[in-house]
């Protein structure tokens, strides 16, 4: 499946709670909702730039210094040879990373986990059950509760990388939400 190459977008809010030196970077793997993710960040007053995965390294090396990174979803499969990967520099920055859908899968593979295809796919509305507390959803979601989410994936993580723990599951994704608190990686 061909990956799209989105146009970089940025927005600087004069009312940003983060100031000009604190920024977020969305690394886009071709998700249909990448711009929605960026818009939500901007609505919270976060300076945010969206760059395709194959340009993100150059953007960081050119001086963009994010305080957090989001890996978007995308239509590809990490099980496919030469599928898109996150640039290593994103991990080397030692900033929090939130990895969504395809982003979760590429993070898992790049950090030593396993992703497999051929399992029951989830497309559309699903429910996640929160199994463990996490700063990721503190004050929003409670342990033991189920919450409606939107999922779109055919592959799934079948083995987490070392250091990750499961904090949320869905019917077809036993690792729907996983975290590595030490490295501040959230999926």
Foldseek 3Di string as FASTA:
>chain_A
DDWDFDDKDWDADPPAPQPPLEAEEEAERRDPCSVVVVVVCVVNRHTYMYGYQVCVVVVVVVPNQYQEYEYEAHDDDPVDPPRGAHDVVNLVSLHAYEYAHNRVVRVQVVQPFDKDFDFDWFAFKWKKAFQDDDPVQVPHDDHGDIDIDGDGDRMATPGGHPQKDAGIATPGYRRNWIARVVSNYID
